[in-house]
């Protein structure tokens, strides 16, 4: 007779059960795409369309896109009640949180100078 997954896990030693549970909890925090994210938030495509002042088919198109502007993604996430945060992971560095991709009041060269000044103040290159 076949055993259920719960029965198999229950037969494991306690430390292995804990490892399975930890991995399960990590997987629950990941989503496959915007559609799943919207469903978790309990929103319909019509709700998102209304919040973004677009039509429902446009929301469907956004959810199927493999590539999009960050501004589109930010608007979508805010429409479902979330906040978009960007994390950059570099080798040999802790995770860095990117708060903006450019300063709307300065040109790109000014932003580069600001980064260089901050690095100099911190004693890094």
C-alpha atoms as a PDB file:
ATOM      1  CA  UNK A   1       0.000   0.000   0.000  1.00  0.00           C
ATOM      2  CA  UNK A   2       1.300   3.471  -0.880  1.00  0.00           C
ATOM      3  CA  UNK A   3       2.234   5.879   1.877  1.00  0.00           C
ATOM      4  CA  UNK A   4       1.476   9.571   1.821  1.00  0.00           C
ATOM      5  CA  UNK A   5       4.204  12.192   1.858  1.00  0.00           C
ATOM      6  CA  UNK A   6       3.191  13.160   5.398  1.00  0.00           C
ATOM      7  CA  UNK A   7       3.685   9.563   6.537  1.00  0.00           C
ATOM      8  CA  UNK A   8       7.112   9.385   4.920  1.00  0.00           C
ATOM      9  CA  UNK A   9       8.182  12.661   6.542  1.00  0.00           C
ATOM     10  CA  UNK A  10       6.821  11.544   9.927  1.00  0.00           C
ATOM     11  CA  UNK A  11       9.046   8.441   9.729  1.00  0.00           C
ATOM     12  CA  UNK A  12      12.198  10.565   9.333  1.00  0.00           C
ATOM     13  CA  UNK A  13      14.457  11.442  12.270  1.00  0.00           C
ATOM     14  CA  UNK A  14      13.567  14.746  13.969  1.00  0.00           C
ATOM     15  CA  UNK A  15      16.547  16.642  12.516  1.00  0.00           C
ATOM     16  CA  UNK A  16      15.616  15.592   8.972  1.00  0.00           C
ATOM     17  CA  UNK A  17      11.979  16.538   9.589  1.00  0.00           C
ATOM     18  CA  UNK A  18      13.176  19.976  10.713  1.00  0.00           C
ATOM     19  CA  UNK A  19      15.306  20.337   7.569  1.00  0.00           C
ATOM     20  CA  UNK A  20      12.339  19.377   5.356  1.00  0.00           C
ATOM     21  CA  UNK A  21      10.122  21.903   7.163  1.00  0.00           C
ATOM     22  CA  UNK A  22      12.744  24.650   6.811  1.00  0.00           C
ATOM     23  CA  UNK A  23      13.109  23.983   3.094  1.00  0.00           C
ATOM     24  CA  UNK A  24       9.324  23.960   2.708  1.00  0.00           C
ATOM     25  CA  UNK A  25       9.044  27.342   4.427  1.00  0.00           C
ATOM     26  CA  UNK A  26      11.739  28.796   2.131  1.00  0.00           C
ATOM     27  CA  UNK A  27       9.913  27.523  -0.952  1.00  0.00           C
ATOM     28  CA  UNK A  28       6.650  29.055   0.270  1.00  0.00           C
ATOM     29  CA  UNK A  29       8.331  32.469   0.166  1.00  0.00           C
ATOM     30  CA  UNK A  30       9.081  32.160  -3.560  1.00  0.00           C
ATOM     31  CA  UNK A  31       6.616  32.781  -6.339  1.00  0.00           C
ATOM     32  CA  UNK A  32       6.774  31.821  -9.991  1.00  0.00           C
ATOM     33  CA  UNK A  33       5.475  35.059 -11.449  1.00  0.00           C
ATOM     34  CA  UNK A  34       3.236  38.075 -11.230  1.00  0.00           C
ATOM     35  CA  UNK A  35       0.043  36.052 -11.649  1.00  0.00           C
ATOM     36  CA  UNK A  36       0.823  33.995  -8.560  1.00  0.00           C
ATOM     37  CA  UNK A  37       1.820  37.132  -6.677  1.00  0.00           C
ATOM     38  CA  UNK A  38      -1.518  38.733  -7.565  1.00  0.00           C
ATOM     39  CA  UNK A  39      -3.402  35.629  -6.448  1.00  0.00           C
ATOM     40  CA  UNK A  40      -1.557  35.565  -3.118  1.00  0.00           C
ATOM     41  CA  UNK A  41      -2.610  39.191  -2.634  1.00  0.00           C
ATOM     42  CA  UNK A  42      -6.215  38.131  -3.314  1.00  0.00           C
ATOM     43  CA  UNK A  43      -6.646  40.469  -6.270  1.00  0.00           C
ATOM     44  CA  UNK A  44      -8.323  39.897  -9.632  1.00  0.00           C
ATOM     45  CA  UNK A  45      -6.892  41.197 -12.900  1.00  0.00           C
ATOM     46  CA  UNK A  46      -9.798  43.646 -13.019  1.00  0.00           C
ATOM     47  CA  UNK A  47      -8.689  45.086  -9.655  1.00  0.00           C
ATOM     48  CA  UNK A  48      -5.184  45.659 -10.964  1.00  0.00           C
ATOM     49  CA  UNK A  49      -6.491  47.144 -14.218  1.00  0.00           C
ATOM     50  CA  UNK A  50      -8.631  49.604 -12.276  1.00  0.00           C
ATOM     51  CA  UNK A  51      -5.732  50.639 -10.022  1.00  0.00           C
ATOM     52  CA  UNK A  52      -3.430  51.149 -13.011  1.00  0.00           C
ATOM     53  CA  UNK A  53      -6.093  52.826 -15.204  1.00  0.00           C
ATOM     54  CA  UNK A  54      -5.649  50.217 -17.921  1.00  0.00           C
ATOM     55  CA  UNK A  55      -7.837  47.451 -19.346  1.00  0.00           C
ATOM     56  CA  UNK A  56      -7.852  43.869 -18.035  1.00  0.00           C
ATOM     57  CA  UNK A  57      -6.198  42.389 -21.163  1.00  0.00           C
ATOM     58  CA  UNK A  58      -3.235  44.710 -20.540  1.00  0.00           C
ATOM     59  CA  UNK A  59      -2.839  43.235 -17.046  1.00  0.00           C
ATOM     60  CA  UNK A  60      -2.814  39.766 -18.578  1.00  0.00           C
ATOM     61  CA  UNK A  61      -0.123  40.899 -21.004  1.00  0.00           C
ATOM     62  CA  UNK A  62       1.993  42.337 -18.162  1.00  0.00           C
ATOM     63  CA  UNK A  63       1.732  39.059 -16.245  1.00  0.00           C
ATOM     64  CA  UNK A  64       3.004  37.111 -19.260  1.00  0.00           C
ATOM     65  CA  UNK A  65       5.939  39.397 -20.050  1.00  0.00           C
ATOM     66  CA  UNK A  66       9.426  38.010 -19.493  1.00  0.00           C
ATOM     67  CA  UNK A  67      10.995  41.477 -19.613  1.00  0.00           C
ATOM     68  CA  UNK A  68       9.601  44.851 -18.550  1.00  0.00           C
ATOM     69  CA  UNK A  69      10.515  48.251 -17.223  1.00  0.00           C
ATOM     70  CA  UNK A  70      11.073  48.450 -13.488  1.00  0.00           C
ATOM     71  CA  UNK A  71       8.537  51.274 -13.393  1.00  0.00           C
ATOM     72  CA  UNK A  72       5.908  48.878 -14.793  1.00  0.00           C
ATOM     73  CA  UNK A  73       6.833  46.237 -12.229  1.00  0.00           C
ATOM     74  CA  UNK A  74       6.764  48.806  -9.411  1.00  0.00           C
ATOM     75  CA  UNK A  75       3.313  50.043 -10.479  1.00  0.00           C
ATOM     76  CA  UNK A  76       2.000  46.479 -10.685  1.00  0.00           C
ATOM     77  CA  UNK A  77       3.373  45.558  -7.235  1.00  0.00           C
ATOM     78  CA  UNK A  78       1.932  48.730  -5.707  1.00  0.00           C
ATOM     79  CA  UNK A  79      -1.444  47.976  -7.345  1.00  0.00           C
ATOM     80  CA  UNK A  80      -1.608  44.670  -5.459  1.00  0.00           C
ATOM     81  CA  UNK A  81      -0.726  46.469  -2.242  1.00  0.00           C
ATOM     82  CA  UNK A  82       2.993  45.717  -2.129  1.00  0.00           C
ATOM     83  CA  UNK A  83       6.267  47.588  -2.265  1.00  0.00           C
ATOM     84  CA  UNK A  84       9.037  46.752  -4.720  1.00  0.00           C
ATOM     85  CA  UNK A  85      12.521  46.486  -3.231  1.00  0.00           C
ATOM     86  CA  UNK A  86      15.645  45.711  -5.253  1.00  0.00           C
ATOM     87  CA  UNK A  87      18.525  43.787  -3.712  1.00  0.00           C
ATOM     88  CA  UNK A  88      21.905  43.513  -5.382  1.00  0.00           C
ATOM     89  CA  UNK A  89      24.137  40.587  -4.425  1.00  0.00           C
ATOM     90  CA  UNK A  90      27.789  40.987  -5.319  1.00  0.00           C
ATOM     91  CA  UNK A  91      30.511  38.419  -4.673  1.00  0.00           C
ATOM     92  CA  UNK A  92      32.303  39.013  -1.371  1.00  0.00           C
ATOM     93  CA  UNK A  93      29.820  41.713  -0.295  1.00  0.00           C
ATOM     94  CA  UNK A  94      26.712  41.703   1.855  1.00  0.00           C
ATOM     95  CA  UNK A  95      23.415  42.239   0.048  1.00  0.00           C
ATOM     96  CA  UNK A  96      22.893  45.844  -1.029  1.00  0.00           C
ATOM     97  CA  UNK A  97      19.468  47.470  -1.283  1.00  0.00           C
ATOM     98  CA  UNK A  98      19.036  49.654  -4.349  1.00  0.00           C
ATOM     99  CA  UNK A  99      16.664  52.502  -3.550  1.00  0.00           C
ATOM    100  CA  UNK A 100      16.625  54.218  -6.933  1.00  0.00           C
ATOM    101  CA  UNK A 101      18.068  53.733 -10.377  1.00  0.00           C
ATOM    102  CA  UNK A 102      18.740  57.365 -10.988  1.00  0.00           C
ATOM    103  CA  UNK A 103      18.135  60.740  -9.528  1.00  0.00           C
ATOM    104  CA  UNK A 104      15.502  62.561 -11.537  1.00  0.00           C
ATOM    105  CA  UNK A 105      17.053  65.937 -10.589  1.00  0.00           C
ATOM    106  CA  UNK A 106      20.622  65.097 -11.660  1.00  0.00           C
ATOM    107  CA  UNK A 107      22.240  63.749 -14.774  1.00  0.00           C
ATOM    108  CA  UNK A 108      23.924  60.329 -14.820  1.00  0.00           C
ATOM    109  CA  UNK A 109      27.403  61.804 -14.345  1.00  0.00           C
ATOM    110  CA  UNK A 110      26.322  63.504 -11.120  1.00  0.00           C
ATOM    111  CA  UNK A 111      25.080  60.152  -9.808  1.00  0.00           C
ATOM    112  CA  UNK A 112      28.437  58.560 -10.642  1.00  0.00           C
ATOM    113  CA  UNK A 113      30.238  61.364  -8.809  1.00  0.00           C
ATOM    114  CA  UNK A 114      27.997  60.836  -5.774  1.00  0.00           C
ATOM    115  CA  UNK A 115      28.854  57.127  -5.673  1.00  0.00           C
ATOM    116  CA  UNK A 116      32.566  57.890  -6.055  1.00  0.00           C
ATOM    117  CA  UNK A 117      32.386  60.464  -3.231  1.00  0.00           C
ATOM    118  CA  UNK A 118      30.618  58.001  -0.923  1.00  0.00           C
ATOM    119  CA  UNK A 119      33.208  55.318  -1.652  1.00  0.00           C
ATOM    120  CA  UNK A 120      36.042  57.757  -0.934  1.00  0.00           C
ATOM    121  CA  UNK A 121      34.427  58.720   2.378  1.00  0.00           C
ATOM    122  CA  UNK A 122      34.043  55.053   3.268  1.00  0.00           C
ATOM    123  CA  UNK A 123      37.644  54.307   2.297  1.00  0.00           C
ATOM    124  CA  UNK A 124      36.699  51.875  -0.505  1.00  0.00           C
ATOM    125  CA  UNK A 125      37.202  51.962  -4.245  1.00  0.00           C
END
